[in-house]
Amino acid sequence: MKYNQYGGTGYNVWQGTQSVGTKTSGTYGLNMFSNPAAVYAEFRPCVLGYDTSCGGYYNLRGLPTWNLDAQIIKDIGVYKERVGATFFFTFTNILNHFQPSGPSLSLTSPTTFGQITGQSNTPRQLELGLRIRF
């Protein structure tokens, strides 16, 4: 089986131990994989002297991130370009888009493999300003 379980953030994914047919302990939450147990079973730690591609080759990558920011600036001259004012509005994360933080991809912890526990960006912020020059 090839590593093909990546499809973005999975919501309400079981995170915890699971025996045959029953879920014994854990919670539902955000996970990088829709079936973290199946993806975890496809990997193992490197064995020195046996594995030849343990470096930066075929590594697991985190989730992509993006953000949309905007700034509106209005410059006003008051008196012969000696006195003036600048109004500015700065919007950070203007779409208020949730970005999940990086998942736990440690091969030493199968119960938290792929688990996402936070947010990597900040919620929408607005900054208003006035700068007077003379």
N, C-alpha and C. Protein backbone atom coordinates (compact mmCIF):
# COMPACT_ATOMS: atom_id res chain seq x y z
N MET A 1 0.85 -1.19 0.00
CA MET A 1 0.00 0.00 0.00
C MET A 1 0.88 1.24 0.00
N LYS A 2 0.61 2.16 -0.85
CA LYS A 2 1.38 3.40 -0.95
C LYS A 2 0.76 4.47 -0.08
N TYR A 3 1.60 5.43 0.28
CA TYR A 3 1.17 6.56 1.09
C TYR A 3 0.29 7.47 0.24
N ASN A 4 -1.03 7.32 0.35
CA ASN A 4 -1.95 8.11 -0.47
C ASN A 4 -3.15 8.59 0.34
N GLN A 5 -3.01 8.69 1.62
CA GLN A 5 -4.12 9.08 2.47
C GLN A 5 -4.23 10.58 2.67
N TYR A 6 -3.29 11.35 2.10
CA TYR A 6 -3.30 12.79 2.31
C TYR A 6 -4.38 13.44 1.46
N GLY A 7 -5.22 14.22 2.08
CA GLY A 7 -6.25 14.92 1.33
C GLY A 7 -6.62 16.22 1.98
N GLY A 8 -5.82 16.70 2.91
CA GLY A 8 -6.12 17.92 3.63
C GLY A 8 -6.52 17.59 5.06
N THR A 9 -7.12 18.53 5.72
CA THR A 9 -7.49 18.36 7.11
C THR A 9 -8.77 17.54 7.22
N GLY A 10 -8.73 16.49 8.03
CA GLY A 10 -9.92 15.68 8.27
C GLY A 10 -10.58 16.09 9.58
N TYR A 11 -11.86 16.33 9.56
CA TYR A 11 -12.60 16.73 10.74
C TYR A 11 -13.29 15.51 11.35
N ASN A 12 -13.43 15.50 12.67
CA ASN A 12 -14.05 14.40 13.42
C ASN A 12 -13.40 13.06 13.10
N VAL A 13 -12.08 13.02 13.11
CA VAL A 13 -11.32 11.79 12.89
C VAL A 13 -10.96 11.21 14.24
N TRP A 14 -11.10 9.89 14.39
CA TRP A 14 -10.78 9.23 15.64
C TRP A 14 -9.29 9.31 15.90
N GLN A 15 -8.91 9.76 17.11
CA GLN A 15 -7.52 9.88 17.51
C GLN A 15 -7.34 9.14 18.81
N GLY A 16 -6.70 8.02 18.75
CA GLY A 16 -6.46 7.24 19.96
C GLY A 16 -6.20 5.80 19.61
N THR A 17 -6.24 4.96 20.62
CA THR A 17 -5.97 3.54 20.40
C THR A 17 -7.23 2.85 19.89
N GLN A 18 -7.04 1.83 19.11
CA GLN A 18 -8.16 1.11 18.52
C GLN A 18 -7.79 -0.36 18.43
N SER A 19 -8.63 -1.20 19.03
CA SER A 19 -8.42 -2.64 18.89
C SER A 19 -9.32 -3.13 17.76
N VAL A 20 -9.41 -4.43 17.59
CA VAL A 20 -10.17 -4.99 16.46
C VAL A 20 -11.64 -4.63 16.59
N GLY A 21 -12.11 -3.73 15.73
CA GLY A 21 -13.52 -3.38 15.67
C GLY A 21 -14.02 -2.42 16.74
N THR A 22 -13.24 -2.12 17.77
CA THR A 22 -13.71 -1.22 18.82
C THR A 22 -12.67 -0.14 19.09
N LYS A 23 -13.15 1.02 19.43
CA LYS A 23 -12.29 2.14 19.80
C LYS A 23 -12.20 2.17 21.31
N THR A 24 -11.00 1.97 21.86
CA THR A 24 -10.87 1.80 23.30
C THR A 24 -10.70 3.12 24.05
N SER A 25 -9.80 3.99 23.60
CA SER A 25 -9.64 5.27 24.28
C SER A 25 -9.16 6.31 23.28
N GLY A 26 -9.63 7.52 23.45
CA GLY A 26 -9.24 8.60 22.55
C GLY A 26 -10.38 9.58 22.37
N THR A 27 -10.23 10.48 21.39
CA THR A 27 -11.23 11.50 21.12
C THR A 27 -11.37 11.69 19.61
N TYR A 28 -12.37 12.45 19.22
CA TYR A 28 -12.52 12.86 17.84
C TYR A 28 -11.96 14.27 17.70
N GLY A 29 -11.35 14.58 16.58
CA GLY A 29 -10.80 15.91 16.39
C GLY A 29 -10.23 16.11 15.01
N LEU A 30 -9.40 17.15 14.86
CA LEU A 30 -8.75 17.45 13.59
C LEU A 30 -7.55 16.53 13.38
N ASN A 31 -7.39 16.03 12.18
CA ASN A 31 -6.25 15.20 11.84
C ASN A 31 -5.86 15.47 10.40
N MET A 32 -4.58 15.32 10.09
CA MET A 32 -4.09 15.54 8.74
C MET A 32 -4.57 14.46 7.78
N PHE A 33 -4.85 13.28 8.30
CA PHE A 33 -5.23 12.13 7.49
C PHE A 33 -6.64 11.68 7.83
N SER A 34 -7.34 11.14 6.85
CA SER A 34 -8.68 10.62 7.11
C SER A 34 -8.61 9.29 7.86
N ASN A 35 -7.53 8.54 7.70
CA ASN A 35 -7.32 7.28 8.43
C ASN A 35 -5.88 7.27 8.93
N PRO A 36 -5.60 7.90 10.08
CA PRO A 36 -4.22 8.02 10.54
C PRO A 36 -3.57 6.68 10.87
N ALA A 37 -4.32 5.70 11.31
CA ALA A 37 -3.73 4.40 11.63
C ALA A 37 -3.20 3.72 10.37
N ALA A 38 -3.90 3.83 9.25
CA ALA A 38 -3.43 3.22 8.00
C ALA A 38 -2.17 3.91 7.48
N VAL A 39 -2.10 5.23 7.60
CA VAL A 39 -0.91 5.95 7.15
C VAL A 39 0.27 5.65 8.06
N TYR A 40 0.02 5.62 9.38
CA TYR A 40 1.09 5.32 10.33
C TYR A 40 1.69 3.94 10.08
N ALA A 41 0.86 3.00 9.68
CA ALA A 41 1.34 1.63 9.43
C ALA A 41 2.25 1.55 8.21
N GLU A 42 2.25 2.55 7.35
CA GLU A 42 3.09 2.55 6.15
C GLU A 42 4.51 3.06 6.40
N PHE A 43 4.79 3.57 7.59
CA PHE A 43 6.10 4.13 7.90
C PHE A 43 6.73 3.39 9.07
N ARG A 44 8.05 3.53 9.15
CA ARG A 44 8.82 3.00 10.27
C ARG A 44 10.06 3.86 10.40
N PRO A 45 10.70 3.85 11.56
CA PRO A 45 11.96 4.60 11.71
C PRO A 45 13.04 4.01 10.80
N CYS A 46 14.02 4.83 10.42
CA CYS A 46 15.10 4.38 9.56
C CYS A 46 15.99 3.37 10.27
N VAL A 47 16.48 2.41 9.54
CA VAL A 47 17.42 1.42 10.05
C VAL A 47 18.77 1.73 9.41
N LEU A 48 19.75 2.08 10.24
CA LEU A 48 21.06 2.43 9.72
C LEU A 48 21.71 1.21 9.08
N GLY A 49 22.33 1.41 7.94
CA GLY A 49 22.99 0.33 7.23
C GLY A 49 22.07 -0.43 6.29
N TYR A 50 20.77 -0.24 6.43
CA TYR A 50 19.81 -0.93 5.57
C TYR A 50 19.09 0.04 4.65
N ASP A 51 18.58 1.13 5.22
CA ASP A 51 17.87 2.14 4.44
C ASP A 51 18.86 3.12 3.82
N THR A 52 18.61 3.51 2.59
CA THR A 52 19.53 4.42 1.90
C THR A 52 18.94 5.79 1.65
N SER A 53 17.69 6.02 1.97
CA SER A 53 17.08 7.33 1.71
C SER A 53 16.40 7.88 2.95
N CYS A 54 17.16 8.08 4.02
CA CYS A 54 16.60 8.59 5.27
C CYS A 54 16.76 10.10 5.42
N GLY A 55 17.38 10.73 4.46
CA GLY A 55 17.61 12.18 4.56
C GLY A 55 16.36 12.96 4.23
N GLY A 56 16.50 13.99 3.43
CA GLY A 56 15.38 14.83 3.06
C GLY A 56 14.62 14.30 1.86
N TYR A 57 14.45 13.03 1.77
CA TYR A 57 13.85 12.38 0.62
C TYR A 57 12.62 11.61 1.07
N TYR A 58 11.51 11.82 0.45
CA TYR A 58 10.24 11.17 0.82
C TYR A 58 9.82 11.50 2.25
N ASN A 59 9.99 12.72 2.67
CA ASN A 59 9.56 13.12 4.01
C ASN A 59 8.09 13.48 4.00
N LEU A 60 7.47 13.41 5.16
CA LEU A 60 6.10 13.88 5.31
C LEU A 60 6.10 15.40 5.40
N ARG A 61 5.23 16.02 4.69
CA ARG A 61 5.13 17.49 4.69
C ARG A 61 3.93 17.92 5.51
N GLY A 62 4.00 19.14 6.02
CA GLY A 62 2.89 19.69 6.76
C GLY A 62 1.81 20.23 5.83
N LEU A 63 0.84 20.89 6.42
CA LEU A 63 -0.27 21.45 5.65
C LEU A 63 0.12 22.79 5.02
N PRO A 64 -0.42 23.11 3.84
CA PRO A 64 -0.12 24.41 3.24
C PRO A 64 -0.82 25.53 4.00
N THR A 65 -0.22 26.70 4.00
CA THR A 65 -0.81 27.86 4.67
C THR A 65 -0.84 29.04 3.72
N TRP A 66 -1.80 29.90 3.90
CA TRP A 66 -1.90 31.14 3.13
C TRP A 66 -2.72 32.12 3.94
N ASN A 67 -2.57 33.40 3.64
CA ASN A 67 -3.26 34.45 4.35
C ASN A 67 -3.48 35.61 3.39
N LEU A 68 -4.56 36.34 3.56
CA LEU A 68 -4.84 37.50 2.72
C LEU A 68 -4.90 38.73 3.61
N ASP A 69 -3.96 39.64 3.39
CA ASP A 69 -3.90 40.89 4.14
C ASP A 69 -4.14 42.05 3.18
N ALA A 70 -4.57 43.18 3.70
CA ALA A 70 -4.81 44.36 2.86
C ALA A 70 -4.50 45.62 3.65
N GLN A 71 -4.15 46.66 2.91
CA GLN A 71 -3.88 47.94 3.54
C GLN A 71 -4.41 49.05 2.63
N ILE A 72 -5.12 50.02 3.22
CA ILE A 72 -5.64 51.18 2.50
C ILE A 72 -5.00 52.41 3.13
N ILE A 73 -4.39 53.25 2.27
CA ILE A 73 -3.68 54.44 2.76
C ILE A 73 -4.18 55.66 1.99
N LYS A 74 -4.43 56.75 2.70
CA LYS A 74 -4.83 58.01 2.07
C LYS A 74 -3.94 59.11 2.62
N ASP A 75 -3.22 59.77 1.73
CA ASP A 75 -2.31 60.84 2.11
C ASP A 75 -2.97 62.18 1.77
N ILE A 76 -3.03 63.09 2.74
CA ILE A 76 -3.70 64.39 2.56
C ILE A 76 -2.70 65.49 2.89
N GLY A 77 -2.50 66.39 1.93
CA GLY A 77 -1.67 67.57 2.17
C GLY A 77 -2.55 68.70 2.68
N VAL A 78 -2.12 69.36 3.77
CA VAL A 78 -2.94 70.41 4.37
C VAL A 78 -2.43 71.80 3.99
N TYR A 79 -1.13 72.08 4.15
CA TYR A 79 -0.62 73.42 3.90
C TYR A 79 0.70 73.33 3.12
N LYS A 80 0.67 73.61 1.83
CA LYS A 80 1.83 73.71 0.95
C LYS A 80 2.84 72.58 1.14
N GLU A 81 2.39 71.40 1.29
CA GLU A 81 3.21 70.21 1.46
C GLU A 81 4.11 70.25 2.69
N ARG A 82 3.87 71.21 3.58
CA ARG A 82 4.64 71.27 4.82
C ARG A 82 3.92 70.54 5.95
N VAL A 83 2.62 70.65 5.93
CA VAL A 83 1.79 70.00 6.95
C VAL A 83 0.87 69.04 6.22
N GLY A 84 0.74 67.86 6.77
CA GLY A 84 -0.13 66.87 6.14
C GLY A 84 -0.50 65.76 7.10
N ALA A 85 -1.33 64.86 6.61
CA ALA A 85 -1.78 63.73 7.42
C ALA A 85 -1.89 62.50 6.53
N THR A 86 -1.72 61.36 7.14
CA THR A 86 -1.87 60.09 6.44
C THR A 86 -2.83 59.22 7.25
N PHE A 87 -3.92 58.82 6.64
CA PHE A 87 -4.85 57.87 7.25
C PHE A 87 -4.51 56.48 6.71
N PHE A 88 -4.53 55.48 7.58
CA PHE A 88 -4.30 54.13 7.08
C PHE A 88 -5.18 53.12 7.82
N PHE A 89 -5.60 52.12 7.07
CA PHE A 89 -6.38 51.00 7.59
C PHE A 89 -5.63 49.73 7.19
N THR A 90 -5.29 48.91 8.15
CA THR A 90 -4.57 47.67 7.88
C THR A 90 -5.43 46.50 8.34
N PHE A 91 -5.67 45.56 7.45
CA PHE A 91 -6.45 44.37 7.75
C PHE A 91 -5.52 43.15 7.67
N THR A 92 -5.47 42.37 8.72
CA THR A 92 -4.70 41.13 8.73
C THR A 92 -5.69 39.97 8.76
N ASN A 93 -5.48 38.98 7.89
CA ASN A 93 -6.40 37.84 7.73
C ASN A 93 -7.80 38.36 7.42
N ILE A 94 -7.90 39.11 6.35
CA ILE A 94 -9.13 39.81 6.00
C ILE A 94 -10.32 38.87 5.79
N LEU A 95 -10.08 37.64 5.34
CA LEU A 95 -11.16 36.67 5.14
C LEU A 95 -11.49 35.87 6.39
N ASN A 96 -10.71 36.08 7.46
CA ASN A 96 -10.88 35.35 8.72
C ASN A 96 -10.88 33.84 8.47
N HIS A 97 -9.91 33.39 7.70
CA HIS A 97 -9.80 31.99 7.28
C HIS A 97 -9.00 31.21 8.32
N PHE A 98 -9.53 30.08 8.79
CA PHE A 98 -8.85 29.22 9.76
C PHE A 98 -7.72 28.45 9.09
N GLN A 99 -6.52 28.51 9.66
CA GLN A 99 -5.37 27.75 9.19
C GLN A 99 -4.95 26.80 10.30
N PRO A 100 -5.12 25.49 10.11
CA PRO A 100 -4.68 24.57 11.16
C PRO A 100 -3.17 24.57 11.30
N SER A 101 -2.70 24.36 12.53
CA SER A 101 -1.25 24.32 12.76
C SER A 101 -0.67 23.01 12.24
N GLY A 102 0.64 22.92 12.31
CA GLY A 102 1.32 21.71 11.83
C GLY A 102 0.95 20.49 12.65
N PRO A 103 0.77 19.35 12.00
CA PRO A 103 0.38 18.15 12.72
C PRO A 103 1.57 17.48 13.40
N SER A 104 1.26 16.61 14.34
CA SER A 104 2.27 15.79 14.99
C SER A 104 2.58 14.61 14.07
N LEU A 105 3.79 14.56 13.51
CA LEU A 105 4.17 13.50 12.58
C LEU A 105 5.27 12.61 13.16
N SER A 106 5.28 12.46 14.48
CA SER A 106 6.28 11.63 15.14
C SER A 106 5.93 10.15 15.01
N LEU A 107 6.90 9.37 14.57
CA LEU A 107 6.67 7.92 14.43
C LEU A 107 6.77 7.19 15.76
N THR A 108 7.12 7.90 16.84
CA THR A 108 7.21 7.27 18.16
C THR A 108 5.90 7.36 18.93
N SER A 109 4.91 8.05 18.40
CA SER A 109 3.63 8.21 19.09
C SER A 109 2.47 7.91 18.14
N PRO A 110 2.04 6.67 18.04
CA PRO A 110 0.97 6.33 17.10
C PRO A 110 -0.40 6.91 17.46
N THR A 111 -0.64 7.21 18.73
CA THR A 111 -1.96 7.73 19.12
C THR A 111 -2.15 9.19 18.74
N THR A 112 -1.07 9.93 18.55
CA THR A 112 -1.19 11.34 18.17
C THR A 112 -0.66 11.60 16.76
N PHE A 113 -0.44 10.58 15.96
CA PHE A 113 0.10 10.74 14.61
C PHE A 113 -0.88 11.50 13.73
N GLY A 114 -0.44 12.63 13.17
CA GLY A 114 -1.27 13.45 12.30
C GLY A 114 -2.22 14.37 13.02
N GLN A 115 -2.21 14.35 14.34
CA GLN A 115 -3.17 15.13 15.13
C GLN A 115 -2.84 16.62 15.07
N ILE A 116 -3.88 17.44 14.90
CA ILE A 116 -3.74 18.89 14.83
C ILE A 116 -4.38 19.47 16.08
N THR A 117 -3.61 20.27 16.81
CA THR A 117 -4.10 20.77 18.09
C THR A 117 -4.22 22.28 18.18
N GLY A 118 -3.94 23.00 17.11
CA GLY A 118 -4.01 24.45 17.22
C GLY A 118 -4.22 25.15 15.89
N GLN A 119 -4.07 26.46 15.95
CA GLN A 119 -4.25 27.31 14.78
C GLN A 119 -2.93 28.01 14.50
N SER A 120 -2.50 28.06 13.22
CA SER A 120 -1.22 28.66 12.90
C SER A 120 -1.30 30.15 12.60
N ASN A 121 -2.46 30.67 12.31
CA ASN A 121 -2.58 32.10 12.05
C ASN A 121 -3.47 32.74 13.11
N THR A 122 -3.50 34.06 13.09
CA THR A 122 -4.33 34.78 14.06
C THR A 122 -5.68 35.11 13.43
N PRO A 123 -6.72 35.28 14.24
CA PRO A 123 -8.01 35.72 13.69
C PRO A 123 -7.89 37.12 13.09
N ARG A 124 -8.93 37.54 12.40
CA ARG A 124 -8.93 38.83 11.70
C ARG A 124 -8.59 39.95 12.68
N GLN A 125 -7.73 40.85 12.23
CA GLN A 125 -7.36 42.02 13.02
C GLN A 125 -7.46 43.27 12.15
N LEU A 126 -7.82 44.37 12.76
CA LEU A 126 -7.98 45.64 12.06
C LEU A 126 -7.19 46.70 12.83
N GLU A 127 -6.43 47.48 12.10
CA GLU A 127 -5.67 48.57 12.70
C GLU A 127 -6.00 49.86 11.97
N LEU A 128 -6.40 50.86 12.71
CA LEU A 128 -6.70 52.18 12.17
C LEU A 128 -5.63 53.14 12.66
N GLY A 129 -5.20 54.06 11.79
CA GLY A 129 -4.14 54.97 12.22
C GLY A 129 -4.22 56.32 11.54
N LEU A 130 -3.64 57.29 12.20
CA LEU A 130 -3.52 58.66 11.68
C LEU A 130 -2.12 59.14 12.01
N ARG A 131 -1.39 59.53 10.97
CA ARG A 131 -0.03 60.07 11.17
C ARG A 131 -0.03 61.51 10.66
N ILE A 132 0.37 62.43 11.55
CA ILE A 132 0.43 63.85 11.21
C ILE A 132 1.88 64.24 11.05
N ARG A 133 2.20 64.95 9.95
CA ARG A 133 3.58 65.39 9.72
C ARG A 133 3.60 66.90 9.54
N PHE A 134 4.69 67.47 10.04
CA PHE A 134 4.85 68.92 9.91
C PHE A 134 6.32 69.28 9.90
